[in-house]
Protein backbone atom coordinates (compact mmCIF):
# COMPACT_ATOMS: atom_id res chain seq x y z
CA MET A 1 39.87 0.07 -10.83
CA ILE A 2 43.23 1.80 -10.93
CA LEU A 3 42.57 3.73 -14.16
CA HIS A 4 39.62 5.52 -12.53
CA SER A 5 41.73 6.91 -9.71
CA VAL A 6 42.14 10.58 -8.89
CA PHE A 7 45.70 10.44 -10.21
CA PHE A 8 45.21 8.73 -13.57
CA TYR A 9 42.03 10.49 -14.69
CA PRO A 10 43.67 13.94 -15.15
CA LEU A 11 46.68 12.28 -16.78
CA MET A 12 44.40 10.76 -19.40
CA TYR A 13 43.01 14.19 -20.33
CA MET A 14 46.49 15.70 -20.36
CA PHE A 15 47.54 12.91 -22.72
CA PHE A 16 44.56 13.61 -25.00
CA GLY A 17 45.42 17.31 -25.01
CA ALA A 18 49.03 16.55 -25.87
CA VAL A 19 47.94 14.30 -28.74
CA ILE A 20 45.70 17.05 -30.14
CA LEU A 21 48.52 19.60 -29.78
CA ILE A 22 50.94 17.30 -31.61
CA PHE A 23 48.30 16.74 -34.30
CA PHE A 24 47.94 20.48 -34.95
CA LEU A 25 51.71 21.00 -34.94
CA LEU A 26 52.15 18.20 -37.48
CA MET A 27 49.31 19.61 -39.60
CA HIS A 28 51.07 23.01 -39.52
CA LEU A 29 54.28 21.37 -40.76
CA TRP A 30 52.40 19.42 -43.42
CA PHE A 31 50.63 22.57 -44.64
CA ARG A 32 54.00 24.31 -44.91
CA THR A 33 55.45 21.33 -46.79
CA ILE A 34 52.72 21.34 -49.42
CA GLN A 35 52.86 25.16 -49.46
CA LEU A 36 49.33 25.93 -48.28
CA ARG A 37 48.85 29.49 -47.18
CA MET A 38 46.85 29.36 -43.96
CA ASN A 39 45.20 32.50 -42.62
CA PRO A 40 43.27 32.65 -39.32
CA LEU A 41 39.93 31.92 -41.03
CA LYS A 42 41.31 28.75 -42.59
CA TRP A 43 42.71 27.62 -39.23
CA ILE A 44 39.35 28.24 -37.55
CA LEU A 45 37.52 26.25 -40.22
CA PHE A 46 40.05 23.43 -39.96
CA ALA A 47 39.78 23.39 -36.15
CA GLY A 48 35.98 23.32 -36.42
CA TRP A 49 36.12 20.39 -38.82
CA PHE A 50 38.53 18.58 -36.49
CA LEU A 51 36.19 19.22 -33.54
CA LEU A 52 33.28 17.75 -35.50
CA LEU A 53 35.45 14.75 -36.38
CA CYS A 54 36.24 14.23 -32.68
CA LEU A 55 32.53 14.45 -31.84
CA LEU A 56 31.78 11.91 -34.56
CA VAL A 57 34.25 9.42 -33.10
CA ALA A 58 33.14 10.10 -29.51
CA GLY A 59 29.45 9.77 -30.38
CA SER A 60 29.86 6.53 -32.26
CA ALA A 61 32.12 5.09 -29.54
CA THR A 62 29.58 6.04 -26.89
CA LEU A 63 26.77 4.37 -28.79
CA TYR A 64 28.91 1.28 -29.33
CA GLY A 65 29.79 1.21 -25.62
CA GLU A 66 26.09 1.34 -24.73
CA ASN A 67 25.55 -1.85 -26.80
CA GLU A 68 23.79 0.10 -29.55
CA LYS A 69 25.90 -1.32 -32.37
CA ASN A 70 23.38 -0.63 -35.15
CA ALA A 71 22.91 2.96 -34.00
CA ALA A 72 26.69 3.41 -33.78
CA LEU A 73 27.21 2.12 -37.31
CA PHE A 74 24.36 4.28 -38.63
CA PHE A 75 25.73 7.34 -36.80
CA LEU A 76 29.23 6.68 -38.09
CA GLY A 77 28.07 5.96 -41.63
CA PHE A 78 25.63 8.86 -41.97
CA PHE A 79 27.61 11.59 -40.26
CA GLY A 80 30.90 10.11 -41.48
CA THR A 81 29.72 10.60 -45.06
CA ILE A 82 28.79 14.19 -44.25
CA MET A 83 32.20 14.74 -42.63
CA LEU A 84 33.93 13.26 -45.68
CA VAL A 85 32.10 15.67 -48.00
CA LEU A 86 32.83 18.60 -45.67
CA GLY A 87 36.50 17.55 -45.47
CA ILE A 88 36.84 17.41 -49.24
CA GLY A 89 35.19 20.82 -49.55
CA LEU A 90 37.44 22.22 -46.82
CA LEU A 91 40.54 20.84 -48.51
CA ARG A 92 39.52 22.44 -51.78
CA TYR A 93 38.98 25.75 -49.95
CA LEU A 94 42.34 25.44 -48.18
CA LYS A 95 44.10 25.03 -51.52
CA THR A 96 42.79 28.41 -52.75
CA LYS A 97 45.12 31.34 -52.34
């Protein structure tokens, strides 16, 4: 298959890296727009939450790709709820001065 060639495989990861970079740049602009003061600790916590969100999507997509649809939905529902609670808590912490 052409998408699994030596040329396209690194391009896919460069594309993913560019998307993540654009995401963080847009989040920086959004934080400035709503006047959130971000220090390095807040950025580290936000990046950690984003990493966990990426792992949540990757894990559920992997389970779904392995024809484990029930496990994928359970994984997404259980850990997605935890990520939602953590995201709300993180947003409340980010709004503190």
